[in-house]
Amino acid sequence: MRSIFLCAGLLVLSNVIMTFAWYGHLKTLAGRPWFWVALISWSIAFLEYMLMVPANRIGHKVLNLGQLKILQEVITLTVFVPFAVFYMKENLRWDYLWAALCMLGAVFFIFREKLSVG
């Protein structure tokens, strides 16, 4: 269980960094040429990979690949929604709730063996 929490913690950190690399430039570097923005984003992404690679290696010891991917996607949505609402000042939409419910379904199906359900 410790490995899952360590994996999830590293995935959260890497997702926060990657979300800024992917989308933060839309707010902070909108007037810059795309080439420079890409270089900056790639530099940020390097930091993200320094967390993502160990997270995946740790997680794969206790989770199968599908479980690891769904965990990543749930964390991505969990990081993205506050980023979109609070940093990018986008409106909180019902679509985020529906997407989260779909993700819960994905979590159930991919983890049901570990949950000892059907």
N, C-alpha and C. Protein backbone atom coordinates (compact mmCIF):
# COMPACT_ATOMS: atom_id res chain seq x y z
N MET A 1 0.82 -1.20 0.00
CA MET A 1 0.00 0.00 0.00
C MET A 1 0.87 1.26 0.00
N ARG A 2 2.00 1.18 0.69
CA ARG A 2 2.92 2.32 0.73
C ARG A 2 3.37 2.70 -0.67
N SER A 3 3.64 1.70 -1.50
CA SER A 3 4.09 1.95 -2.87
C SER A 3 3.02 2.68 -3.68
N ILE A 4 1.77 2.32 -3.46
CA ILE A 4 0.68 2.99 -4.19
C ILE A 4 0.60 4.46 -3.80
N PHE A 5 0.72 4.74 -2.50
CA PHE A 5 0.67 6.14 -2.06
C PHE A 5 1.88 6.93 -2.55
N LEU A 6 3.05 6.30 -2.54
CA LEU A 6 4.24 6.98 -3.06
C LEU A 6 4.08 7.25 -4.55
N CYS A 7 3.61 6.26 -5.28
CA CYS A 7 3.35 6.42 -6.71
C CYS A 7 2.36 7.56 -6.95
N ALA A 8 1.24 7.54 -6.23
CA ALA A 8 0.21 8.57 -6.40
C ALA A 8 0.76 9.95 -6.06
N GLY A 9 1.54 10.05 -4.99
CA GLY A 9 2.11 11.35 -4.62
C GLY A 9 3.03 11.90 -5.70
N LEU A 10 3.89 11.03 -6.23
CA LEU A 10 4.77 11.47 -7.32
C LEU A 10 3.97 11.84 -8.57
N LEU A 11 2.91 11.08 -8.85
CA LEU A 11 2.06 11.40 -10.00
C LEU A 11 1.35 12.74 -9.83
N VAL A 12 0.92 13.05 -8.62
CA VAL A 12 0.29 14.35 -8.37
C VAL A 12 1.29 15.47 -8.65
N LEU A 13 2.49 15.34 -8.09
CA LEU A 13 3.51 16.38 -8.31
C LEU A 13 3.84 16.51 -9.79
N SER A 14 4.02 15.38 -10.47
CA SER A 14 4.36 15.45 -11.89
C SER A 14 3.22 16.05 -12.70
N ASN A 15 1.98 15.77 -12.31
CA ASN A 15 0.84 16.33 -13.04
C ASN A 15 0.71 17.83 -12.83
N VAL A 16 1.00 18.30 -11.64
CA VAL A 16 0.96 19.75 -11.41
C VAL A 16 1.98 20.42 -12.32
N ILE A 17 3.20 19.88 -12.36
CA ILE A 17 4.24 20.46 -13.20
C ILE A 17 3.84 20.38 -14.68
N MET A 18 3.35 19.22 -15.11
CA MET A 18 3.02 19.04 -16.52
C MET A 18 1.84 19.90 -16.94
N THR A 19 0.88 20.08 -16.06
CA THR A 19 -0.25 20.93 -16.40
C THR A 19 0.22 22.35 -16.69
N PHE A 20 1.17 22.84 -15.91
CA PHE A 20 1.72 24.16 -16.19
C PHE A 20 2.51 24.16 -17.50
N ALA A 21 3.24 23.08 -17.77
CA ALA A 21 4.00 23.00 -19.02
C ALA A 21 3.06 22.98 -20.23
N TRP A 22 1.96 22.24 -20.12
CA TRP A 22 1.03 22.11 -21.24
C TRP A 22 0.14 23.32 -21.43
N TYR A 23 -0.36 23.89 -20.31
CA TYR A 23 -1.41 24.91 -20.41
C TYR A 23 -1.06 26.26 -19.79
N GLY A 24 -0.11 26.30 -18.89
CA GLY A 24 0.21 27.56 -18.21
C GLY A 24 0.68 28.65 -19.14
N HIS A 25 1.36 28.26 -20.21
CA HIS A 25 1.87 29.24 -21.17
C HIS A 25 0.74 29.98 -21.89
N LEU A 26 -0.45 29.39 -21.93
CA LEU A 26 -1.58 30.06 -22.59
C LEU A 26 -1.94 31.36 -21.88
N LYS A 27 -1.65 31.40 -20.59
CA LYS A 27 -1.94 32.61 -19.81
C LYS A 27 -0.69 33.50 -19.68
N THR A 28 0.44 32.88 -19.38
CA THR A 28 1.61 33.68 -19.03
C THR A 28 2.52 34.04 -20.21
N LEU A 29 2.48 33.26 -21.27
CA LEU A 29 3.40 33.49 -22.39
C LEU A 29 2.64 33.65 -23.72
N ALA A 30 1.42 34.10 -23.65
CA ALA A 30 0.56 34.17 -24.85
C ALA A 30 1.17 35.03 -25.95
N GLY A 31 1.93 36.05 -25.61
CA GLY A 31 2.48 36.95 -26.62
C GLY A 31 3.83 36.52 -27.16
N ARG A 32 4.38 35.44 -26.65
CA ARG A 32 5.71 34.99 -27.07
C ARG A 32 5.61 34.08 -28.29
N PRO A 33 6.66 34.03 -29.10
CA PRO A 33 6.66 33.11 -30.24
C PRO A 33 6.57 31.66 -29.76
N TRP A 34 5.87 30.82 -30.52
CA TRP A 34 5.63 29.44 -30.10
C TRP A 34 6.92 28.67 -29.88
N PHE A 35 7.98 29.00 -30.64
CA PHE A 35 9.23 28.28 -30.50
C PHE A 35 9.81 28.43 -29.10
N TRP A 36 9.80 29.66 -28.57
CA TRP A 36 10.34 29.90 -27.24
C TRP A 36 9.46 29.25 -26.18
N VAL A 37 8.17 29.31 -26.41
CA VAL A 37 7.24 28.69 -25.47
C VAL A 37 7.46 27.18 -25.45
N ALA A 38 7.70 26.59 -26.62
CA ALA A 38 7.96 25.15 -26.68
C ALA A 38 9.23 24.80 -25.90
N LEU A 39 10.27 25.59 -26.06
CA LEU A 39 11.52 25.33 -25.32
C LEU A 39 11.31 25.43 -23.81
N ILE A 40 10.57 26.44 -23.40
CA ILE A 40 10.28 26.59 -21.97
C ILE A 40 9.43 25.41 -21.49
N SER A 41 8.41 25.05 -22.25
CA SER A 41 7.54 23.93 -21.87
C SER A 41 8.33 22.63 -21.81
N TRP A 42 9.22 22.40 -22.76
CA TRP A 42 10.04 21.19 -22.73
C TRP A 42 10.95 21.16 -21.51
N SER A 43 11.45 22.32 -21.13
CA SER A 43 12.29 22.39 -19.92
C SER A 43 11.48 22.01 -18.68
N ILE A 44 10.26 22.53 -18.62
CA ILE A 44 9.38 22.19 -17.50
C ILE A 44 9.03 20.71 -17.55
N ALA A 45 8.76 20.20 -18.75
CA ALA A 45 8.40 18.80 -18.92
C ALA A 45 9.53 17.87 -18.47
N PHE A 46 10.77 18.29 -18.63
CA PHE A 46 11.89 17.48 -18.15
C PHE A 46 11.76 17.23 -16.65
N LEU A 47 11.42 18.27 -15.91
CA LEU A 47 11.21 18.11 -14.46
C LEU A 47 10.08 17.14 -14.18
N GLU A 48 9.02 17.23 -14.99
CA GLU A 48 7.88 16.34 -14.83
C GLU A 48 8.31 14.89 -15.03
N TYR A 49 9.11 14.63 -16.04
CA TYR A 49 9.56 13.26 -16.31
C TYR A 49 10.45 12.73 -15.19
N MET A 50 11.16 13.60 -14.51
CA MET A 50 11.99 13.18 -13.39
C MET A 50 11.15 12.64 -12.23
N LEU A 51 9.88 13.00 -12.20
CA LEU A 51 8.95 12.47 -11.21
C LEU A 51 8.09 11.34 -11.79
N MET A 52 7.69 11.49 -13.04
CA MET A 52 6.78 10.52 -13.67
C MET A 52 7.44 9.15 -13.84
N VAL A 53 8.67 9.12 -14.28
CA VAL A 53 9.33 7.84 -14.53
C VAL A 53 9.46 7.03 -13.23
N PRO A 54 9.97 7.60 -12.14
CA PRO A 54 10.01 6.81 -10.90
C PRO A 54 8.61 6.44 -10.40
N ALA A 55 7.65 7.33 -10.57
CA ALA A 55 6.28 7.01 -10.14
C ALA A 55 5.76 5.79 -10.88
N ASN A 56 5.95 5.74 -12.18
CA ASN A 56 5.49 4.60 -12.96
C ASN A 56 6.24 3.32 -12.60
N ARG A 57 7.52 3.43 -12.34
CA ARG A 57 8.30 2.24 -11.99
C ARG A 57 7.87 1.70 -10.62
N ILE A 58 7.63 2.59 -9.68
CA ILE A 58 7.16 2.18 -8.35
C ILE A 58 5.75 1.60 -8.46
N GLY A 59 4.88 2.30 -9.18
CA GLY A 59 3.50 1.86 -9.31
C GLY A 59 3.36 0.54 -10.02
N HIS A 60 4.19 0.29 -11.03
CA HIS A 60 4.08 -0.95 -11.81
C HIS A 60 4.48 -2.18 -11.00
N LYS A 61 5.14 -1.99 -9.89
CA LYS A 61 5.48 -3.12 -9.01
C LYS A 61 4.25 -3.66 -8.29
N VAL A 62 3.23 -2.80 -8.09
CA VAL A 62 2.05 -3.21 -7.33
C VAL A 62 0.74 -3.08 -8.11
N LEU A 63 0.78 -2.45 -9.26
CA LEU A 63 -0.41 -2.26 -10.09
C LEU A 63 -0.13 -2.79 -11.49
N ASN A 64 -1.17 -3.27 -12.16
CA ASN A 64 -0.96 -3.63 -13.56
C ASN A 64 -1.00 -2.35 -14.39
N LEU A 65 -0.66 -2.46 -15.65
CA LEU A 65 -0.53 -1.28 -16.50
C LEU A 65 -1.83 -0.50 -16.62
N GLY A 66 -2.95 -1.21 -16.76
CA GLY A 66 -4.25 -0.54 -16.86
C GLY A 66 -4.59 0.23 -15.59
N GLN A 67 -4.32 -0.36 -14.45
CA GLN A 67 -4.58 0.32 -13.18
C GLN A 67 -3.70 1.55 -13.03
N LEU A 68 -2.46 1.42 -13.43
CA LEU A 68 -1.53 2.55 -13.37
C LEU A 68 -2.02 3.70 -14.26
N LYS A 69 -2.50 3.37 -15.45
CA LYS A 69 -2.98 4.40 -16.38
C LYS A 69 -4.24 5.08 -15.86
N ILE A 70 -5.18 4.31 -15.33
CA ILE A 70 -6.41 4.92 -14.80
C ILE A 70 -6.08 5.80 -13.59
N LEU A 71 -5.17 5.34 -12.73
CA LEU A 71 -4.74 6.18 -11.61
C LEU A 71 -4.19 7.50 -12.13
N GLN A 72 -3.37 7.43 -13.17
CA GLN A 72 -2.80 8.64 -13.78
C GLN A 72 -3.90 9.56 -14.30
N GLU A 73 -4.89 9.00 -14.97
CA GLU A 73 -5.96 9.83 -15.55
C GLU A 73 -6.82 10.48 -14.48
N VAL A 74 -7.10 9.75 -13.41
CA VAL A 74 -7.87 10.34 -12.30
C VAL A 74 -7.09 11.49 -11.67
N ILE A 75 -5.81 11.28 -11.47
CA ILE A 75 -4.97 12.35 -10.91
C ILE A 75 -4.92 13.53 -11.87
N THR A 76 -4.82 13.27 -13.16
CA THR A 76 -4.79 14.35 -14.15
C THR A 76 -6.04 15.21 -14.06
N LEU A 77 -7.19 14.58 -14.01
CA LEU A 77 -8.45 15.33 -13.91
C LEU A 77 -8.53 16.09 -12.59
N THR A 78 -8.07 15.45 -11.52
CA THR A 78 -8.10 16.08 -10.20
C THR A 78 -7.20 17.32 -10.15
N VAL A 79 -6.09 17.28 -10.85
CA VAL A 79 -5.18 18.43 -10.90
C VAL A 79 -5.70 19.47 -11.89
N PHE A 80 -6.22 19.01 -13.03
CA PHE A 80 -6.61 19.93 -14.09
C PHE A 80 -7.78 20.84 -13.71
N VAL A 81 -8.79 20.30 -13.07
CA VAL A 81 -9.98 21.11 -12.78
C VAL A 81 -9.65 22.32 -11.89
N PRO A 82 -8.97 22.15 -10.76
CA PRO A 82 -8.60 23.34 -9.99
C PRO A 82 -7.70 24.29 -10.77
N PHE A 83 -6.79 23.75 -11.56
CA PHE A 83 -5.92 24.58 -12.40
C PHE A 83 -6.77 25.43 -13.35
N ALA A 84 -7.71 24.80 -14.02
CA ALA A 84 -8.55 25.51 -14.99
C ALA A 84 -9.39 26.58 -14.31
N VAL A 85 -9.93 26.26 -13.16
CA VAL A 85 -10.85 27.18 -12.47
C VAL A 85 -10.08 28.30 -11.77
N PHE A 86 -9.07 27.96 -10.99
CA PHE A 86 -8.41 28.95 -10.15
C PHE A 86 -7.26 29.69 -10.85
N TYR A 87 -6.49 29.00 -11.67
CA TYR A 87 -5.36 29.65 -12.33
C TYR A 87 -5.76 30.27 -13.66
N MET A 88 -6.47 29.51 -14.46
CA MET A 88 -6.85 29.99 -15.79
C MET A 88 -8.16 30.78 -15.77
N LYS A 89 -8.84 30.80 -14.62
CA LYS A 89 -10.08 31.58 -14.43
C LYS A 89 -11.20 31.12 -15.37
N GLU A 90 -11.25 29.81 -15.66
CA GLU A 90 -12.34 29.27 -16.46
C GLU A 90 -13.52 28.98 -15.54
N ASN A 91 -14.69 28.94 -16.09
CA ASN A 91 -15.87 28.63 -15.30
C ASN A 91 -15.89 27.15 -14.93
N LEU A 92 -16.31 26.88 -13.69
CA LEU A 92 -16.52 25.51 -13.27
C LEU A 92 -17.78 25.01 -13.98
N ARG A 93 -17.65 23.91 -14.70
CA ARG A 93 -18.77 23.43 -15.52
C ARG A 93 -19.23 22.06 -15.05
N TRP A 94 -20.49 21.78 -15.30
CA TRP A 94 -21.06 20.48 -14.96
C TRP A 94 -20.32 19.36 -15.68
N ASP A 95 -19.74 19.66 -16.84
CA ASP A 95 -19.02 18.64 -17.60
C ASP A 95 -17.88 18.02 -16.78
N TYR A 96 -17.28 18.80 -15.90
CA TYR A 96 -16.22 18.26 -15.06
C TYR A 96 -16.78 17.19 -14.12
N LEU A 97 -17.97 17.41 -13.59
CA LEU A 97 -18.61 16.42 -12.74
C LEU A 97 -18.91 15.15 -13.51
N TRP A 98 -19.47 15.30 -14.70
CA TRP A 98 -19.79 14.12 -15.51
C TRP A 98 -18.52 13.36 -15.89
N ALA A 99 -17.48 14.08 -16.21
CA ALA A 99 -16.21 13.42 -16.52
C ALA A 99 -15.68 12.67 -15.30
N ALA A 100 -15.80 13.28 -14.13
CA ALA A 100 -15.35 12.64 -12.89
C ALA A 100 -16.15 11.36 -12.62
N LEU A 101 -17.44 11.40 -12.87
CA LEU A 101 -18.26 10.20 -12.68
C LEU A 101 -17.85 9.09 -13.64
N CYS A 102 -17.55 9.46 -14.87
CA CYS A 102 -17.05 8.46 -15.83
C CYS A 102 -15.73 7.87 -15.35
N MET A 103 -14.87 8.71 -14.80
CA MET A 103 -13.59 8.23 -14.29
C MET A 103 -13.79 7.29 -13.10
N LEU A 104 -14.79 7.59 -12.25
CA LEU A 104 -15.08 6.68 -11.14
C LEU A 104 -15.50 5.31 -11.66
N GLY A 105 -16.27 5.31 -12.74
CA GLY A 105 -16.63 4.04 -13.36
C GLY A 105 -15.39 3.31 -13.86
N ALA A 106 -14.48 4.03 -14.48
CA ALA A 106 -13.24 3.43 -14.95
C ALA A 106 -12.43 2.86 -13.79
N VAL A 107 -12.37 3.60 -12.70
CA VAL A 107 -11.66 3.14 -11.50
C VAL A 107 -12.29 1.84 -11.00
N PHE A 108 -13.61 1.82 -10.90
CA PHE A 108 -14.29 0.61 -10.44
C PHE A 108 -13.93 -0.59 -11.30
N PHE A 109 -14.06 -0.44 -12.61
CA PHE A 109 -13.85 -1.60 -13.47
C PHE A 109 -12.39 -2.05 -13.50
N ILE A 110 -11.46 -1.12 -13.48
CA ILE A 110 -10.05 -1.51 -13.58
C ILE A 110 -9.51 -2.04 -12.25
N PHE A 111 -10.11 -1.61 -11.12
CA PHE A 111 -9.65 -2.04 -9.80
C PHE A 111 -10.56 -3.07 -9.14
N ARG A 112 -11.62 -3.50 -9.79
CA ARG A 112 -12.59 -4.38 -9.12
C ARG A 112 -11.98 -5.69 -8.66
N GLU A 113 -10.98 -6.18 -9.35
CA GLU A 113 -10.31 -7.40 -8.90
C GLU A 113 -9.65 -7.19 -7.54
N LYS A 114 -8.99 -6.04 -7.38
CA LYS A 114 -8.35 -5.73 -6.10
C LYS A 114 -9.39 -5.45 -5.01
N LEU A 115 -10.57 -4.98 -5.43
CA LEU A 115 -11.65 -4.70 -4.48
C LEU A 115 -12.45 -5.95 -4.13
N SER A 116 -12.15 -7.06 -4.80
CA SER A 116 -12.86 -8.33 -4.63
C SER A 116 -14.34 -8.19 -4.92
N VAL A 117 -14.66 -7.48 -5.99
CA VAL A 117 -16.04 -7.30 -6.45
C VAL A 117 -16.18 -8.03 -7.76
N GLY A 118 -17.26 -8.85 -7.89
CA GLY A 118 -17.64 -9.53 -9.13
C GLY A 118 -16.51 -9.76 -10.02
